[in-house]
Amino acid sequence: MLNWKRKVLLQRALSRVPFGEQLDVLLHAVKRSPLFPEHGFEAETSDRIASVGGMIKRLSRVLPLEGATVVEVGTGWAPIPTILLHLAGVRSIHTYDIVRRARWSAWRGIVRALRRHLAACADAIGQPRERVDLRLARLEGATNQKQMLELANIDYVAPGNVLATGFPDGSIDMFFAWSVFEHIPLSVLRAFCQEAGRLLRPGSGRLCVQFDCADNFSGFDKSLHPLDYLQYSDEQWNSLVNDRNRYHFNRIREQEFLDILKEYGASVDYVENTSRPGYLEYVEAMPLAERFQHFTPAQNAIVTTAIIASMQA
């Protein structure tokens, strides 16, 4: 098992050496190849249908998705939310990432996986099965990435800056981010919220985000507790992990983000978070860095959160 500090060093090296990005893409392709089916697009899509689809269904209760225009932050390696938004009826999606990570194999692999899980997909996003079937069939007709994105009316901007979209005020129905905001410096996160407030249609527009409040490195280094990183000061954490060239983990707590939303006059429609058995007691017993000491143990024990908000008070 790769030690988390060794992975940090590997990530930093890849961000600095010539062709490091291409090598990183190759490593991810191997990870998601048939050699490792537990990490492939089939497994990842199957695992995320319920959570991503459930959020989209809940969002549809406060925002009509049919015909909506969406700005998405962070397309990522596996654009499962992007494709599910299309299947839910969104008219156009402008998805931004700092690096062009999603390859044709990802778009095609996810569509194929959703076909195999058609019933679960339709139920999760709250769409008639026949409608999802037709939309999937249309995407399955694509023979390359450019064609599939055109069929789905997805504008994939990478490298791109979501703070410089050029869209006019009040022209977007949804500002969407899934498993992204934990990787953004808090100062930039505030700028994102400000930009969302500018872009979203007054009254009806919604910000929809999900992010992890647990240490991403604990997913592969089992010696780590997912909340161990709360013991480090920002200075210590930045020196250990954060890399201005590429990688960032801000360790944001749910309450921190809710406070940021309040700064920008947001009205929160929905909050759902998760913790795990024993995490509350673990946090109560561990030494916390000063930054996290003013949060309650219950707030620090949260490991994922999903939030829907209107940016107009």
Protein backbone atom coordinates (compact mmCIF):
# COMPACT_ATOMS: atom_id res chain seq x y z
CA MET A 1 0.00 0.00 0.00
CA LEU A 2 1.39 3.40 -0.99
CA ASN A 3 2.13 5.66 1.97
CA TRP A 4 0.26 8.96 1.71
CA LYS A 5 3.41 11.08 1.97
CA ARG A 6 5.00 9.14 -0.87
CA LYS A 7 1.94 9.78 -3.00
CA VAL A 8 2.22 13.50 -2.25
CA LEU A 9 5.82 13.45 -3.47
CA LEU A 10 4.78 11.56 -6.60
CA GLN A 11 2.01 14.06 -7.35
CA ARG A 12 4.37 16.99 -6.90
CA ALA A 13 6.94 15.39 -9.17
CA LEU A 14 4.36 14.81 -11.89
CA SER A 15 3.28 18.45 -11.71
CA ARG A 16 6.83 19.65 -12.32
CA VAL A 17 8.60 17.28 -14.70
CA PRO A 18 8.27 17.48 -18.51
CA PHE A 19 5.40 15.30 -19.75
CA GLY A 20 4.27 14.77 -16.14
CA GLU A 21 0.66 15.48 -17.06
CA GLN A 22 0.74 12.91 -19.87
CA LEU A 23 2.26 10.36 -17.50
CA ASP A 24 -0.45 11.08 -14.93
CA VAL A 25 -3.11 10.50 -17.61
CA LEU A 26 -1.45 7.20 -18.52
CA LEU A 27 -1.39 6.08 -14.88
CA HIS A 28 -5.09 6.87 -14.50
CA ALA A 29 -5.85 5.03 -17.74
CA VAL A 30 -4.07 1.94 -16.45
CA LYS A 31 -5.88 2.22 -13.12
CA ARG A 32 -9.25 2.24 -14.90
CA SER A 33 -8.31 -0.47 -17.42
CA PRO A 34 -9.65 -4.08 -17.36
CA LEU A 35 -6.53 -4.95 -15.34
CA PHE A 36 -8.16 -3.27 -12.34
CA PRO A 37 -11.93 -3.69 -12.76
CA GLU A 38 -12.60 -2.49 -9.21
CA HIS A 39 -11.36 0.97 -10.29
CA GLY A 40 -12.86 1.07 -13.79
CA PHE A 41 -15.59 3.32 -15.14
CA GLU A 42 -18.14 0.52 -14.68
CA ALA A 43 -17.44 0.26 -10.95
CA GLU A 44 -17.14 4.02 -10.42
CA THR A 45 -20.34 4.78 -12.31
CA SER A 46 -22.26 2.07 -10.48
CA ASP A 47 -21.05 3.41 -7.14
CA ARG A 48 -22.01 7.02 -7.88
CA ILE A 49 -25.37 6.69 -9.63
CA ALA A 50 -27.36 6.78 -6.40
CA SER A 51 -25.50 9.67 -4.75
CA VAL A 52 -25.12 11.94 -7.79
CA GLY A 53 -28.48 11.02 -9.25
CA GLY A 54 -30.20 11.51 -5.90
CA MET A 55 -28.80 15.01 -5.64
CA ILE A 56 -29.96 15.83 -9.16
CA LYS A 57 -33.45 14.55 -8.35
CA ARG A 58 -33.59 16.67 -5.19
CA LEU A 59 -32.38 19.69 -7.14
CA SER A 60 -35.21 19.19 -9.65
CA ARG A 61 -37.70 19.89 -6.85
CA VAL A 62 -36.54 23.50 -6.58
CA LEU A 63 -35.27 24.08 -10.14
CA PRO A 64 -36.79 22.79 -13.40
CA LEU A 65 -33.96 20.94 -15.15
CA GLU A 66 -35.60 20.51 -18.55
CA GLY A 67 -34.07 23.20 -20.72
CA ALA A 68 -31.73 24.51 -18.01
CA THR A 69 -28.28 25.99 -18.60
CA VAL A 70 -25.53 24.81 -16.24
CA VAL A 71 -22.00 25.89 -15.39
CA GLU A 72 -20.06 23.02 -13.84
CA VAL A 73 -16.83 23.46 -11.88
CA GLY A 74 -14.33 20.61 -12.23
CA THR A 75 -15.12 18.03 -14.91
CA GLY A 76 -12.54 15.64 -13.49
CA TRP A 77 -11.35 12.27 -14.76
CA ALA A 78 -14.81 10.67 -14.77
CA PRO A 79 -17.56 13.11 -15.84
CA ILE A 80 -20.40 11.07 -14.35
CA PRO A 81 -22.30 14.12 -12.98
CA THR A 82 -21.96 15.89 -16.34
CA ILE A 83 -23.58 13.03 -18.23
CA LEU A 84 -26.28 12.50 -15.59
CA LEU A 85 -27.22 16.19 -15.80
CA HIS A 86 -27.70 15.77 -19.55
CA LEU A 87 -29.81 12.65 -19.05
CA ALA A 88 -31.93 14.61 -16.54
CA GLY A 89 -32.89 17.07 -19.27
CA VAL A 90 -30.40 19.92 -18.88
CA ARG A 91 -30.24 21.78 -22.20
CA SER A 92 -26.63 22.93 -22.13
CA ILE A 93 -23.67 22.29 -19.84
CA HIS A 94 -20.53 24.41 -19.73
CA THR A 95 -18.03 22.34 -17.75
CA TYR A 96 -14.67 23.79 -16.73
CA ASP A 97 -11.45 22.23 -15.49
CA ILE A 98 -7.90 23.50 -15.05
CA VAL A 99 -6.54 20.45 -16.91
CA ARG A 100 -8.19 18.45 -19.71
CA ARG A 101 -8.47 15.15 -17.80
CA ALA A 102 -11.62 13.52 -19.21
CA ARG A 103 -10.67 11.49 -22.28
CA TRP A 104 -12.85 9.78 -24.88
CA SER A 105 -12.46 6.50 -22.98
CA ALA A 106 -14.11 8.14 -19.95
CA TRP A 107 -17.12 9.62 -21.78
CA ARG A 108 -17.68 6.39 -23.72
CA GLY A 109 -17.08 4.13 -20.70
CA ILE A 110 -19.53 6.03 -18.51
CA VAL A 111 -22.27 6.00 -21.16
CA ARG A 112 -21.81 2.24 -21.58
CA ALA A 113 -21.96 1.73 -17.82
CA LEU A 114 -25.13 3.82 -17.53
CA ARG A 115 -26.71 1.69 -20.27
CA ARG A 116 -26.06 -1.40 -18.15
CA HIS A 117 -27.64 0.37 -15.17
CA LEU A 118 -30.47 2.06 -17.07
CA ALA A 119 -33.21 1.36 -14.52
CA ALA A 120 -31.12 2.52 -11.56
CA CYS A 121 -30.01 5.61 -13.48
CA ALA A 122 -33.54 6.64 -14.46
CA ASP A 123 -34.86 6.07 -10.95
CA ALA A 124 -31.97 8.00 -9.36
CA ILE A 125 -32.41 11.14 -11.47
CA GLY A 126 -36.21 10.94 -11.42
CA GLN A 127 -36.70 10.60 -15.19
CA PRO A 128 -38.91 8.18 -17.15
CA ARG A 129 -36.90 5.16 -18.22
CA GLU A 130 -37.95 5.57 -21.84
CA ARG A 131 -36.65 9.14 -21.95
CA VAL A 132 -33.27 8.17 -20.45
CA ASP A 133 -33.10 5.25 -22.87
CA LEU A 134 -33.54 7.59 -25.86
CA ARG A 135 -30.96 10.06 -24.60
CA LEU A 136 -28.44 7.30 -23.96
CA ALA A 137 -29.05 5.82 -27.41
CA ARG A 138 -28.31 9.19 -28.96
CA LEU A 139 -24.99 9.40 -27.13
CA GLU A 140 -24.14 5.80 -28.00
CA GLY A 141 -24.24 6.78 -31.65
CA ALA A 142 -21.17 8.98 -31.22
CA THR A 143 -17.89 7.69 -32.62
CA ASN A 144 -15.60 10.19 -30.90
CA GLN A 145 -15.54 12.61 -27.99
CA LYS A 146 -16.23 15.73 -30.04
CA GLN A 147 -19.34 14.19 -31.54
CA MET A 148 -20.68 12.96 -28.19
CA LEU A 149 -20.22 16.36 -26.55
CA GLU A 150 -21.98 18.06 -29.45
CA LEU A 151 -24.89 15.60 -29.20
CA ALA A 152 -25.23 16.33 -25.48
CA ASN A 153 -24.64 20.08 -25.94
CA ILE A 154 -21.71 19.90 -23.51
CA ASP A 155 -19.07 22.62 -23.81
CA TYR A 156 -15.93 21.13 -22.24
CA VAL A 157 -13.57 24.01 -21.45
CA ALA A 158 -10.20 22.71 -20.29
CA PRO A 159 -7.91 24.24 -19.47
CA GLY A 160 -10.41 26.88 -18.46
CA ASN A 161 -11.27 29.38 -15.76
CA VAL A 162 -14.80 29.35 -14.41
CA LEU A 163 -14.20 32.85 -13.03
CA ALA A 164 -13.83 34.14 -16.59
CA THR A 165 -16.71 32.55 -18.50
CA GLY A 166 -17.84 35.77 -20.16
CA PHE A 167 -21.50 34.93 -19.53
CA PRO A 168 -23.76 37.90 -18.75
CA ASP A 169 -25.28 38.50 -15.34
CA GLY A 170 -28.26 36.32 -14.46
CA SER A 171 -27.91 34.04 -17.48
CA ILE A 172 -27.30 30.65 -15.81
CA ASP A 173 -29.78 28.35 -14.07
CA MET A 174 -27.34 26.25 -12.05
CA PHE A 175 -23.77 26.46 -10.75
CA PHE A 176 -22.76 22.87 -10.07
CA ALA A 177 -19.72 21.26 -8.41
CA TRP A 178 -19.29 17.64 -7.33
CA SER A 179 -16.26 16.60 -5.24
CA VAL A 180 -14.40 19.75 -6.26
CA PHE A 181 -14.69 22.48 -3.62
CA GLU A 182 -12.43 20.60 -1.17
CA HIS A 183 -9.59 21.06 -3.69
CA ILE A 184 -9.85 24.85 -4.02
CA PRO A 185 -8.11 27.45 -1.83
CA LEU A 186 -10.66 29.16 0.41
CA SER A 187 -9.93 32.58 -1.13
CA VAL A 188 -10.75 31.19 -4.58
CA LEU A 189 -13.81 29.43 -3.19
CA ARG A 190 -15.16 32.80 -2.06
CA ALA A 191 -14.56 34.13 -5.55
CA PHE A 192 -16.51 31.16 -6.98
CA CYS A 193 -19.46 31.93 -4.72
CA GLN A 194 -19.35 35.59 -5.75
CA GLU A 195 -19.25 34.60 -9.42
CA ALA A 196 -22.14 32.16 -8.90
CA GLY A 197 -24.16 35.02 -7.45
CA ARG A 198 -23.46 37.08 -10.56
CA LEU A 199 -24.24 34.32 -13.05
CA LEU A 200 -27.36 32.76 -11.54
CA ARG A 201 -30.82 33.91 -12.58
CA PRO A 202 -32.36 36.04 -9.83
CA GLY A 203 -34.80 34.03 -7.74
CA SER A 204 -34.66 30.73 -9.61
CA GLY A 205 -30.94 30.04 -10.05
CA ARG A 206 -29.28 27.54 -7.73
CA LEU A 207 -25.83 26.65 -6.49
CA CYS A 208 -25.51 22.88 -6.03
CA VAL A 209 -22.35 21.46 -4.45
CA GLN A 210 -21.12 18.26 -2.85
CA PHE A 211 -17.70 17.96 -1.24
CA ASP A 212 -15.68 15.72 1.03
CA CYS A 213 -14.77 16.84 4.53
CA ALA A 214 -12.41 13.90 5.03
CA ASP A 215 -8.80 13.26 4.09
CA ASN A 216 -8.65 12.02 0.50
CA PHE A 217 -5.38 10.21 1.22
CA SER A 218 -7.10 7.90 3.71
CA GLY A 219 -8.79 6.17 0.79
CA PHE A 220 -5.61 4.32 -0.11
CA ASP A 221 -3.42 4.65 3.03
CA LYS A 222 -5.40 2.63 5.56
CA SER A 223 -3.10 3.71 8.38
CA LEU A 224 -4.80 7.12 8.25
CA HIS A 225 -8.05 7.99 9.94
CA PRO A 226 -10.12 10.17 7.54
CA LEU A 227 -10.12 12.99 10.10
CA ASP A 228 -6.48 12.83 11.22
CA TYR A 229 -5.64 15.83 9.06
CA LEU A 230 -7.54 18.11 11.44
CA GLN A 231 -4.59 18.00 13.82
CA TYR A 232 -2.30 19.94 11.44
CA SER A 233 -2.09 23.71 11.33
CA ASP A 234 -2.55 25.31 7.91
CA GLU A 235 1.18 26.01 7.80
CA GLN A 236 2.04 22.38 8.51
CA TRP A 237 -0.55 21.06 6.06
CA ASN A 238 0.56 23.38 3.28
CA SER A 239 4.17 22.32 3.67
CA LEU A 240 3.21 18.63 3.67
CA VAL A 241 0.55 18.49 0.97
CA ASN A 242 -0.54 21.60 -0.86
CA ASP A 243 1.22 22.38 -4.09
CA ARG A 244 0.60 25.70 -5.80
CA ASN A 245 1.36 24.06 -9.16
CA ARG A 246 -1.43 21.52 -8.99
CA TYR A 247 -2.71 19.83 -5.84
CA HIS A 248 -4.69 21.42 -3.04
CA PHE A 249 -6.79 20.07 -0.18
CA ASN A 250 -8.36 22.86 1.86
CA ARG A 251 -9.82 20.64 4.65
CA ILE A 252 -13.00 22.72 4.57
CA ARG A 253 -15.69 21.98 7.14
CA GLU A 254 -19.35 22.13 6.21
CA GLN A 255 -19.94 25.04 8.59
CA GLU A 256 -17.10 27.01 7.00
CA PHE A 257 -18.79 26.80 3.63
CA LEU A 258 -22.19 27.68 5.06
CA ASP A 259 -20.56 30.75 6.63
CA ILE A 260 -19.10 31.71 3.24
CA LEU A 261 -22.53 31.38 1.65
CA LYS A 262 -23.96 33.62 4.35
CA GLU A 263 -21.31 36.25 3.51
CA TYR A 264 -22.72 36.40 -0.01
CA GLY A 265 -26.37 36.54 1.01
CA ALA A 266 -27.26 32.98 0.07
CA SER A 267 -30.48 31.30 1.12
CA VAL A 268 -29.89 27.60 1.77
CA ASP A 269 -32.59 25.23 0.48
CA TYR A 270 -31.05 21.94 1.51
CA VAL A 271 -28.16 20.48 3.49
CA GLU A 272 -27.39 16.79 3.91
CA ASN A 273 -24.25 15.47 5.54
CA THR A 274 -22.80 12.15 6.62
CA SER A 275 -20.46 10.94 9.31
CA ARG A 276 -19.55 7.43 10.42
CA PRO A 277 -19.85 5.42 13.64
CA GLY A 278 -17.15 6.33 16.11
CA TYR A 279 -16.01 9.49 14.29
CA LEU A 280 -17.56 11.86 16.82
CA GLU A 281 -15.74 10.15 19.68
CA TYR A 282 -12.51 10.12 17.65
CA VAL A 283 -12.68 13.88 17.07
CA GLU A 284 -13.49 14.55 20.72
CA ALA A 285 -10.33 12.68 21.78
CA MET A 286 -7.87 14.04 19.18
CA PRO A 287 -5.80 17.25 19.45
CA LEU A 288 -7.21 19.73 16.93
CA ALA A 289 -5.36 22.51 15.15
CA GLU A 290 -6.48 25.97 16.24
CA ARG A 291 -8.39 26.53 13.00
CA PHE A 292 -10.83 23.72 13.84
CA GLN A 293 -11.20 24.22 17.59
CA HIS A 294 -14.20 26.57 17.37
CA PHE A 295 -16.27 24.00 15.51
CA THR A 296 -18.31 21.52 17.52
CA PRO A 297 -17.17 17.88 17.53
CA ALA A 298 -20.27 17.02 15.48
CA GLN A 299 -19.32 19.63 12.84
CA ASN A 300 -15.74 18.34 12.64
CA ALA A 301 -16.93 14.72 12.39
CA ILE A 302 -18.79 15.32 9.11
CA VAL A 303 -17.12 13.53 6.18
CA THR A 304 -19.35 14.53 3.23
CA THR A 305 -21.87 17.28 2.67
CA ALA A 306 -24.31 18.26 -0.08
CA ILE A 307 -25.80 21.75 -0.28
CA ILE A 308 -28.34 23.49 -2.53
CA ALA A 309 -28.67 27.26 -2.19
CA SER A 310 -30.02 30.35 -3.88
CA MET A 311 -27.39 33.08 -4.04
CA GLN A 312 -30.02 35.81 -3.76
CA ALA A 313 -31.24 36.39 -0.22
